[in-house]
Amino acid sequence: MWLLVISTVAFAGEQPPSVPEILEHEFTVVTTEGDSVSLAELFDPSRPVIVEFWTTWCVPCRKTFPHRVDLKKEYGDRLVVLGLTVEDPEEDLVKVRKFVEEHGVNFPIAFAPDELYEFMNRRTDIAVPKLFVFDGDGSLVTYIPRHSPLTTSKLKSAVARAVRGRGSR
């Protein structure tokens, strides 16, 4: 069953992509070790997934990190968490590694190419943070386009629904 709940932010008349649609495009990302890998290697399409586009200099992004670290601790292997920075791996690799270490990040971080950001967000102008929560079927449970005082509760609620296998119901 495919369920979809998105915020009131429009996707230019298109539905946001599902995990299978994202993985069909065979995007390549750069890990914090500097290796190029297929995005599919960082996903487990049978488990719920949180994906956040972020940067080290983004203050709202810094506010979401502790919540994602906590969610990964709480749900463990039942949840995939992935941070996709839109920074430049050639210029910012050391800075991102330092950020990951300082913040006790317990999930994969990778550098996303512009094409991946544009595909998932259906826009070319980059603005962060952007949070997506997908259920174990690969359907979008919720999309959080910007940080607000409600981000933490929205994220926790969406993850709980996704892990229970109930999507947006």
N, C-alpha and C. Protein backbone atom coordinates (compact mmCIF):
# COMPACT_ATOMS: atom_id res chain seq x y z
N MET A 1 0.84 -1.17 0.00
CA MET A 1 0.00 0.00 0.00
C MET A 1 0.89 1.24 0.00
N TRP A 2 0.60 2.21 -0.84
CA TRP A 2 1.37 3.45 -0.92
C TRP A 2 0.55 4.57 -0.33
N LEU A 3 1.06 5.18 0.72
CA LEU A 3 0.39 6.28 1.39
C LEU A 3 1.25 7.52 1.27
N LEU A 4 0.62 8.68 1.18
CA LEU A 4 1.38 9.89 0.97
C LEU A 4 0.80 11.03 1.80
N VAL A 5 1.65 11.67 2.57
CA VAL A 5 1.28 12.88 3.28
C VAL A 5 2.41 13.86 3.06
N ILE A 6 2.11 15.03 2.55
CA ILE A 6 3.15 16.05 2.40
C ILE A 6 2.64 17.33 3.04
N SER A 7 3.56 18.22 3.27
CA SER A 7 3.19 19.49 3.86
C SER A 7 2.46 20.32 2.81
N THR A 8 2.09 21.52 3.19
CA THR A 8 1.39 22.38 2.25
C THR A 8 2.30 22.99 1.21
N VAL A 9 3.60 22.73 1.31
CA VAL A 9 4.54 23.23 0.31
C VAL A 9 4.37 22.41 -0.96
N ALA A 10 4.14 23.07 -2.05
CA ALA A 10 3.89 22.38 -3.32
C ALA A 10 5.19 21.90 -3.95
N PHE A 11 5.08 20.87 -4.74
CA PHE A 11 6.19 20.33 -5.49
C PHE A 11 6.00 20.66 -6.97
N ALA A 12 5.72 21.90 -7.30
CA ALA A 12 5.58 22.34 -8.68
C ALA A 12 4.68 21.42 -9.48
N GLY A 13 3.58 20.99 -8.90
CA GLY A 13 2.63 20.16 -9.60
C GLY A 13 3.00 18.69 -9.69
N GLU A 14 4.13 18.29 -9.16
CA GLU A 14 4.56 16.90 -9.21
C GLU A 14 4.55 16.31 -7.81
N GLN A 15 4.35 15.00 -7.75
CA GLN A 15 4.45 14.31 -6.48
C GLN A 15 5.92 14.16 -6.12
N PRO A 16 6.28 14.22 -4.86
CA PRO A 16 7.66 13.93 -4.48
C PRO A 16 7.97 12.47 -4.80
N PRO A 17 9.22 12.16 -5.07
CA PRO A 17 9.56 10.79 -5.46
C PRO A 17 9.50 9.82 -4.29
N SER A 18 9.26 8.57 -4.61
CA SER A 18 9.33 7.49 -3.63
C SER A 18 10.76 6.96 -3.62
N VAL A 19 11.08 6.13 -2.64
CA VAL A 19 12.42 5.54 -2.59
C VAL A 19 12.72 4.74 -3.86
N PRO A 20 11.80 3.89 -4.34
CA PRO A 20 12.12 3.17 -5.59
C PRO A 20 12.42 4.12 -6.76
N GLU A 21 11.69 5.22 -6.87
CA GLU A 21 11.95 6.19 -7.95
C GLU A 21 13.32 6.84 -7.78
N ILE A 22 13.69 7.13 -6.56
CA ILE A 22 15.01 7.73 -6.29
C ILE A 22 16.11 6.75 -6.68
N LEU A 23 15.96 5.51 -6.26
CA LEU A 23 17.00 4.52 -6.51
C LEU A 23 17.10 4.12 -7.98
N GLU A 24 16.01 4.26 -8.73
CA GLU A 24 16.04 3.98 -10.17
C GLU A 24 17.05 4.86 -10.89
N HIS A 25 17.30 6.04 -10.36
CA HIS A 25 18.19 7.00 -11.02
C HIS A 25 19.67 6.73 -10.77
N GLU A 26 19.98 5.78 -9.90
CA GLU A 26 21.36 5.38 -9.64
C GLU A 26 22.28 6.56 -9.33
N PHE A 27 21.85 7.40 -8.42
CA PHE A 27 22.67 8.54 -8.00
C PHE A 27 23.91 8.04 -7.27
N THR A 28 24.99 8.77 -7.43
CA THR A 28 26.24 8.50 -6.73
C THR A 28 26.49 9.63 -5.74
N VAL A 29 26.89 9.27 -4.52
CA VAL A 29 27.20 10.25 -3.49
C VAL A 29 28.64 10.01 -3.03
N VAL A 30 29.21 10.97 -2.34
CA VAL A 30 30.56 10.84 -1.80
C VAL A 30 30.45 10.72 -0.29
N THR A 31 31.03 9.67 0.27
CA THR A 31 30.97 9.44 1.71
C THR A 31 31.96 10.36 2.43
N THR A 32 31.87 10.38 3.74
CA THR A 32 32.82 11.18 4.53
C THR A 32 34.22 10.57 4.52
N GLU A 33 34.35 9.37 4.00
CA GLU A 33 35.67 8.76 3.79
C GLU A 33 36.24 9.20 2.45
N GLY A 34 35.44 9.91 1.65
CA GLY A 34 35.88 10.38 0.34
C GLY A 34 35.63 9.40 -0.79
N ASP A 35 34.89 8.33 -0.51
CA ASP A 35 34.60 7.33 -1.53
C ASP A 35 33.29 7.66 -2.26
N SER A 36 33.25 7.41 -3.55
CA SER A 36 32.01 7.53 -4.33
C SER A 36 31.28 6.20 -4.23
N VAL A 37 30.00 6.26 -3.81
CA VAL A 37 29.19 5.05 -3.69
C VAL A 37 27.81 5.32 -4.27
N SER A 38 27.15 4.26 -4.63
CA SER A 38 25.77 4.37 -5.09
C SER A 38 24.89 4.73 -3.90
N LEU A 39 23.95 5.63 -4.10
CA LEU A 39 23.01 5.98 -3.04
C LEU A 39 22.29 4.74 -2.53
N ALA A 40 22.04 3.78 -3.41
CA ALA A 40 21.34 2.55 -3.02
C ALA A 40 22.09 1.80 -1.93
N GLU A 41 23.41 1.95 -1.86
CA GLU A 41 24.19 1.27 -0.82
C GLU A 41 23.88 1.82 0.57
N LEU A 42 23.35 3.03 0.65
CA LEU A 42 23.06 3.65 1.94
C LEU A 42 21.61 3.49 2.36
N PHE A 43 20.78 2.98 1.45
CA PHE A 43 19.37 2.75 1.74
C PHE A 43 19.14 1.27 1.97
N ASP A 44 18.16 0.95 2.78
CA ASP A 44 17.60 -0.40 2.83
C ASP A 44 16.14 -0.19 2.50
N PRO A 45 15.74 -0.45 1.26
CA PRO A 45 14.39 -0.10 0.84
C PRO A 45 13.28 -0.84 1.58
N SER A 46 13.63 -1.81 2.41
CA SER A 46 12.59 -2.51 3.18
C SER A 46 12.36 -1.89 4.55
N ARG A 47 13.18 -0.89 4.91
CA ARG A 47 13.03 -0.24 6.22
C ARG A 47 12.66 1.23 6.05
N PRO A 48 11.99 1.80 7.03
CA PRO A 48 11.74 3.24 6.98
C PRO A 48 13.05 4.01 6.91
N VAL A 49 12.99 5.17 6.26
CA VAL A 49 14.18 5.98 6.02
C VAL A 49 13.89 7.45 6.32
N ILE A 50 14.82 8.10 7.04
CA ILE A 50 14.82 9.55 7.17
C ILE A 50 15.97 10.04 6.29
N VAL A 51 15.68 11.01 5.44
CA VAL A 51 16.72 11.66 4.64
C VAL A 51 16.64 13.14 4.93
N GLU A 52 17.79 13.74 5.25
CA GLU A 52 17.81 15.19 5.42
C GLU A 52 18.93 15.78 4.57
N PHE A 53 18.56 16.80 3.81
CA PHE A 53 19.55 17.62 3.12
C PHE A 53 19.93 18.73 4.09
N TRP A 54 21.23 18.97 4.24
CA TRP A 54 21.71 19.89 5.28
C TRP A 54 23.08 20.43 4.88
N THR A 55 23.58 21.35 5.71
CA THR A 55 24.96 21.85 5.62
C THR A 55 25.48 22.11 7.03
N THR A 56 26.79 22.18 7.16
CA THR A 56 27.39 22.44 8.48
C THR A 56 27.14 23.86 8.95
N TRP A 57 26.97 24.80 8.02
CA TRP A 57 26.81 26.20 8.39
C TRP A 57 25.35 26.59 8.64
N CYS A 58 24.43 25.69 8.41
CA CYS A 58 22.99 25.97 8.54
C CYS A 58 22.57 25.80 10.00
N VAL A 59 22.17 26.90 10.64
CA VAL A 59 21.78 26.85 12.05
C VAL A 59 20.56 25.94 12.27
N PRO A 60 19.50 26.04 11.47
CA PRO A 60 18.38 25.11 11.66
C PRO A 60 18.78 23.65 11.47
N CYS A 61 19.70 23.38 10.54
CA CYS A 61 20.18 22.00 10.33
C CYS A 61 20.84 21.49 11.61
N ARG A 62 21.60 22.34 12.26
CA ARG A 62 22.28 21.95 13.50
C ARG A 62 21.26 21.59 14.59
N LYS A 63 20.10 22.22 14.54
CA LYS A 63 19.06 21.93 15.52
C LYS A 63 18.42 20.56 15.30
N THR A 64 18.39 20.08 14.06
CA THR A 64 17.76 18.78 13.80
C THR A 64 18.68 17.60 14.07
N PHE A 65 19.99 17.82 14.07
CA PHE A 65 20.92 16.71 14.25
C PHE A 65 20.70 15.93 15.53
N PRO A 66 20.60 16.56 16.67
CA PRO A 66 20.42 15.77 17.91
C PRO A 66 19.17 14.90 17.86
N HIS A 67 18.12 15.37 17.21
CA HIS A 67 16.87 14.60 17.15
C HIS A 67 17.04 13.36 16.28
N ARG A 68 17.78 13.51 15.19
CA ARG A 68 18.02 12.35 14.33
C ARG A 68 18.96 11.36 15.00
N VAL A 69 19.95 11.84 15.72
CA VAL A 69 20.83 10.95 16.47
C VAL A 69 20.00 10.17 17.50
N ASP A 70 19.10 10.86 18.21
CA ASP A 70 18.25 10.21 19.21
C ASP A 70 17.30 9.20 18.57
N LEU A 71 16.73 9.54 17.40
CA LEU A 71 15.83 8.61 16.72
C LEU A 71 16.58 7.35 16.29
N LYS A 72 17.80 7.51 15.81
CA LYS A 72 18.59 6.34 15.42
C LYS A 72 18.89 5.47 16.63
N LYS A 73 19.19 6.09 17.77
CA LYS A 73 19.43 5.32 19.00
C LYS A 73 18.16 4.58 19.41
N GLU A 74 17.03 5.27 19.35
CA GLU A 74 15.76 4.69 19.78
C GLU A 74 15.33 3.52 18.89
N TYR A 75 15.43 3.67 17.58
CA TYR A 75 14.91 2.67 16.66
C TYR A 75 15.96 1.71 16.14
N GLY A 76 17.22 2.04 16.29
CA GLY A 76 18.29 1.13 15.86
C GLY A 76 18.16 0.67 14.43
N ASP A 77 18.23 -0.64 14.24
CA ASP A 77 18.20 -1.22 12.90
C ASP A 77 16.81 -1.16 12.24
N ARG A 78 15.79 -0.77 12.98
CA ARG A 78 14.46 -0.66 12.37
C ARG A 78 14.31 0.60 11.54
N LEU A 79 15.32 1.48 11.55
CA LEU A 79 15.23 2.78 10.87
C LEU A 79 16.57 3.10 10.22
N VAL A 80 16.51 3.54 8.96
CA VAL A 80 17.69 4.05 8.27
C VAL A 80 17.65 5.57 8.37
N VAL A 81 18.74 6.16 8.78
CA VAL A 81 18.86 7.62 8.84
C VAL A 81 20.03 7.99 7.93
N LEU A 82 19.81 8.98 7.09
CA LEU A 82 20.84 9.39 6.15
C LEU A 82 20.89 10.91 6.07
N GLY A 83 22.06 11.46 6.28
CA GLY A 83 22.28 12.90 6.13
C GLY A 83 22.98 13.17 4.82
N LEU A 84 22.39 14.00 3.98
CA LEU A 84 22.98 14.34 2.69
C LEU A 84 23.33 15.83 2.68
N THR A 85 24.61 16.11 2.84
CA THR A 85 25.03 17.51 2.81
C THR A 85 25.13 17.98 1.37
N VAL A 86 24.78 19.24 1.16
CA VAL A 86 24.86 19.82 -0.19
C VAL A 86 26.16 20.62 -0.34
N GLU A 87 27.07 20.43 0.59
CA GLU A 87 28.37 21.08 0.51
C GLU A 87 29.25 20.37 -0.52
N ASP A 88 30.38 20.95 -0.83
CA ASP A 88 31.30 20.43 -1.84
C ASP A 88 32.29 19.47 -1.18
N PRO A 89 32.32 18.20 -1.62
CA PRO A 89 33.22 17.24 -0.97
C PRO A 89 34.70 17.60 -1.12
N GLU A 90 35.06 18.26 -2.19
CA GLU A 90 36.47 18.63 -2.37
C GLU A 90 36.89 19.75 -1.43
N GLU A 91 35.98 20.67 -1.15
CA GLU A 91 36.30 21.81 -0.29
C GLU A 91 35.94 21.59 1.18
N ASP A 92 34.90 20.79 1.43
CA ASP A 92 34.33 20.74 2.77
C ASP A 92 34.44 19.40 3.48
N LEU A 93 35.19 18.46 2.93
CA LEU A 93 35.27 17.12 3.52
C LEU A 93 35.77 17.16 4.96
N VAL A 94 36.84 17.88 5.22
CA VAL A 94 37.40 17.94 6.57
C VAL A 94 36.41 18.59 7.53
N LYS A 95 35.79 19.67 7.10
CA LYS A 95 34.81 20.37 7.95
C LYS A 95 33.62 19.46 8.29
N VAL A 96 33.12 18.71 7.32
CA VAL A 96 31.99 17.81 7.56
C VAL A 96 32.41 16.67 8.48
N ARG A 97 33.58 16.10 8.26
CA ARG A 97 34.08 15.04 9.16
C ARG A 97 34.15 15.54 10.60
N LYS A 98 34.67 16.74 10.79
CA LYS A 98 34.79 17.32 12.13
C LYS A 98 33.40 17.50 12.76
N PHE A 99 32.47 18.00 11.98
CA PHE A 99 31.09 18.20 12.46
C PHE A 99 30.49 16.85 12.91
N VAL A 100 30.65 15.82 12.08
CA VAL A 100 30.11 14.50 12.39
C VAL A 100 30.70 13.97 13.70
N GLU A 101 32.00 14.13 13.86
CA GLU A 101 32.66 13.66 15.08
C GLU A 101 32.19 14.45 16.31
N GLU A 102 32.16 15.76 16.19
CA GLU A 102 31.77 16.62 17.32
C GLU A 102 30.33 16.39 17.76
N HIS A 103 29.44 16.00 16.84
CA HIS A 103 28.03 15.85 17.15
C HIS A 103 27.61 14.40 17.38
N GLY A 104 28.56 13.49 17.44
CA GLY A 104 28.24 12.09 17.73
C GLY A 104 27.26 11.48 16.74
N VAL A 105 27.40 11.82 15.49
CA VAL A 105 26.47 11.34 14.47
C VAL A 105 26.63 9.82 14.33
N ASN A 106 25.51 9.11 14.42
CA ASN A 106 25.49 7.65 14.42
C ASN A 106 24.80 7.08 13.19
N PHE A 107 24.83 7.81 12.11
CA PHE A 107 24.21 7.38 10.86
C PHE A 107 25.07 7.89 9.71
N PRO A 108 24.90 7.33 8.51
CA PRO A 108 25.74 7.74 7.38
C PRO A 108 25.50 9.19 6.96
N ILE A 109 26.60 9.82 6.61
CA ILE A 109 26.59 11.17 6.05
C ILE A 109 27.26 11.07 4.69
N ALA A 110 26.68 11.73 3.70
CA ALA A 110 27.28 11.73 2.37
C ALA A 110 27.05 13.09 1.73
N PHE A 111 27.88 13.37 0.73
CA PHE A 111 27.75 14.60 -0.05
C PHE A 111 26.84 14.30 -1.23
N ALA A 112 25.75 15.05 -1.33
CA ALA A 112 24.78 14.83 -2.40
C ALA A 112 25.10 15.70 -3.61
N PRO A 113 25.05 15.13 -4.79
CA PRO A 113 25.22 15.97 -5.98
C PRO A 113 23.98 16.84 -6.18
N ASP A 114 24.15 17.95 -6.85
CA ASP A 114 23.02 18.86 -7.10
C ASP A 114 21.85 18.13 -7.76
N GLU A 115 22.15 17.19 -8.66
CA GLU A 115 21.10 16.46 -9.37
C GLU A 115 20.19 15.69 -8.42
N LEU A 116 20.75 15.12 -7.38
CA LEU A 116 19.96 14.38 -6.39
C LEU A 116 19.06 15.34 -5.62
N TYR A 117 19.63 16.46 -5.16
CA TYR A 117 18.83 17.45 -4.46
C TYR A 117 17.67 17.92 -5.34
N GLU A 118 17.98 18.27 -6.57
CA GLU A 118 16.96 18.77 -7.50
C GLU A 118 15.89 17.71 -7.74
N PHE A 119 16.27 16.46 -7.91
CA PHE A 119 15.31 15.40 -8.16
C PHE A 119 14.37 15.21 -6.97
N MET A 120 14.92 15.13 -5.78
CA MET A 120 14.09 14.87 -4.60
C MET A 120 13.23 16.06 -4.21
N ASN A 121 13.74 17.26 -4.44
CA ASN A 121 13.01 18.47 -4.01
C ASN A 121 12.22 19.13 -5.12
N ARG A 122 12.41 18.66 -6.35
CA ARG A 122 11.71 19.22 -7.51
C ARG A 122 11.96 20.72 -7.64
N ARG A 123 13.21 21.10 -7.34
CA ARG A 123 13.60 22.51 -7.45
C ARG A 123 15.10 22.60 -7.64
N THR A 124 15.54 23.68 -8.27
CA THR A 124 16.97 23.82 -8.52
C THR A 124 17.66 24.68 -7.46
N ASP A 125 16.92 25.63 -6.86
CA ASP A 125 17.54 26.47 -5.84
C ASP A 125 17.65 25.69 -4.54
N ILE A 126 18.83 25.71 -3.96
CA ILE A 126 19.08 24.92 -2.76
C ILE A 126 18.79 25.74 -1.52
N ALA A 127 17.93 25.17 -0.69
CA ALA A 127 17.60 25.74 0.62
C ALA A 127 17.53 24.57 1.59
N VAL A 128 18.14 24.70 2.72
CA VAL A 128 18.17 23.61 3.70
C VAL A 128 17.74 24.15 5.06
N PRO A 129 17.28 23.27 5.94
CA PRO A 129 17.16 21.82 5.82
C PRO A 129 15.89 21.40 5.07
N LYS A 130 15.95 20.20 4.55
CA LYS A 130 14.81 19.53 3.92
C LYS A 130 14.81 18.11 4.46
N LEU A 131 13.73 17.72 5.11
CA LEU A 131 13.61 16.39 5.73
C LEU A 131 12.53 15.57 5.04
N PHE A 132 12.84 14.32 4.74
CA PHE A 132 11.90 13.37 4.15
C PHE A 132 11.85 12.16 5.07
N VAL A 133 10.65 11.63 5.29
CA VAL A 133 10.50 10.37 6.02
C VAL A 133 9.72 9.43 5.10
N PHE A 134 10.33 8.27 4.82
CA PHE A 134 9.72 7.25 3.97
C PHE A 134 9.40 6.02 4.81
N ASP A 135 8.32 5.32 4.47
CA ASP A 135 8.00 4.08 5.19
C ASP A 135 8.76 2.91 4.56
N GLY A 136 8.55 1.72 5.09
CA GLY A 136 9.26 0.54 4.62
C GLY A 136 8.89 0.11 3.21
N ASP A 137 7.79 0.64 2.68
CA ASP A 137 7.40 0.39 1.29
C ASP A 137 8.06 1.38 0.34
N GLY A 138 8.73 2.40 0.90
CA GLY A 138 9.38 3.41 0.08
C GLY A 138 8.52 4.62 -0.21
N SER A 139 7.34 4.67 0.36
CA SER A 139 6.43 5.80 0.16
C SER A 139 6.77 6.94 1.11
N LEU A 140 6.57 8.14 0.65
CA LEU A 140 6.80 9.31 1.49
C LEU A 140 5.72 9.39 2.55
N VAL A 141 6.14 9.45 3.81
CA VAL A 141 5.22 9.63 4.93
C VAL A 141 5.03 11.11 5.19
N THR A 142 6.14 11.84 5.23
CA THR A 142 6.05 13.29 5.42
C THR A 142 7.28 13.96 4.84
N TYR A 143 7.09 15.21 4.50
CA TYR A 143 8.14 16.08 3.98
C TYR A 143 8.13 17.33 4.85
N ILE A 144 9.27 17.68 5.40
CA ILE A 144 9.39 18.87 6.26
C ILE A 144 10.34 19.81 5.55
N PRO A 145 9.81 20.86 4.90
CA PRO A 145 10.63 21.72 4.04
C PRO A 145 11.47 22.77 4.73
N ARG A 146 11.24 22.97 6.02
CA ARG A 146 12.02 23.99 6.74
C ARG A 146 11.88 23.71 8.22
N HIS A 147 12.84 24.21 8.97
CA HIS A 147 12.81 24.02 10.42
C HIS A 147 11.79 24.99 11.04
N SER A 148 11.06 24.48 12.02
CA SER A 148 10.13 25.29 12.79
C SER A 148 10.09 24.73 14.20
N PRO A 149 9.41 25.40 15.11
CA PRO A 149 9.29 24.84 16.46
C PRO A 149 8.59 23.48 16.48
N LEU A 150 7.87 23.14 15.41
CA LEU A 150 7.15 21.86 15.34
C LEU A 150 7.96 20.75 14.66
N THR A 151 9.14 21.06 14.17
CA THR A 151 9.91 20.07 13.42
C THR A 151 10.14 18.80 14.22
N THR A 152 10.56 18.90 15.45
CA THR A 152 10.86 17.72 16.26
C THR A 152 9.63 16.85 16.43
N SER A 153 8.51 17.43 16.78
CA SER A 153 7.30 16.61 16.98
C SER A 153 6.82 16.02 15.66
N LYS A 154 6.90 16.77 14.57
CA LYS A 154 6.51 16.23 13.26
C LYS A 154 7.40 15.05 12.88
N LEU A 155 8.69 15.21 13.09
CA LEU A 155 9.64 14.16 12.74
C LEU A 155 9.40 12.90 13.57
N LYS A 156 9.26 13.06 14.88
CA LYS A 156 9.03 11.91 15.75
C LYS A 156 7.74 11.18 15.39
N SER A 157 6.68 11.94 15.13
CA SER A 157 5.40 11.35 14.77
C SER A 157 5.49 10.60 13.44
N ALA A 158 6.12 11.21 12.45
CA ALA A 158 6.26 10.56 11.14
C ALA A 158 7.08 9.28 11.24
N VAL A 159 8.16 9.31 12.00
CA VAL A 159 9.00 8.12 12.16
C VAL A 159 8.22 7.03 12.88
N ALA A 160 7.48 7.37 13.91
CA ALA A 160 6.69 6.36 14.63
C ALA A 160 5.69 5.70 13.69
N ARG A 161 5.01 6.50 12.86
CA ARG A 161 4.05 5.93 11.89
C ARG A 161 4.78 5.06 10.88
N ALA A 162 5.91 5.52 10.38
CA ALA A 162 6.65 4.76 9.37
C ALA A 162 7.15 3.44 9.93
N VAL A 163 7.65 3.45 11.15
CA VAL A 163 8.19 2.23 11.76
C VAL A 163 7.05 1.25 12.07
N ARG A 164 5.91 1.77 12.46
CA ARG A 164 4.76 0.89 12.71
C ARG A 164 4.19 0.33 11.42
N GLY A 165 4.60 0.89 10.29
CA GLY A 165 4.12 0.42 9.00
C GLY A 165 2.77 0.98 8.62
N ARG A 166 2.44 2.11 9.20
CA ARG A 166 1.13 2.69 8.93
C ARG A 166 1.20 3.95 8.09
N GLY A 167 2.39 4.29 7.63
CA GLY A 167 2.51 5.47 6.77
C GLY A 167 1.83 6.68 7.35
N SER A 168 0.90 7.26 6.64
CA SER A 168 0.25 8.50 7.06
C SER A 168 -1.09 8.28 7.73
N ARG A 169 -1.47 7.05 7.95
CA ARG A 169 -2.79 6.81 8.54
C ARG A 169 -2.82 7.20 9.98
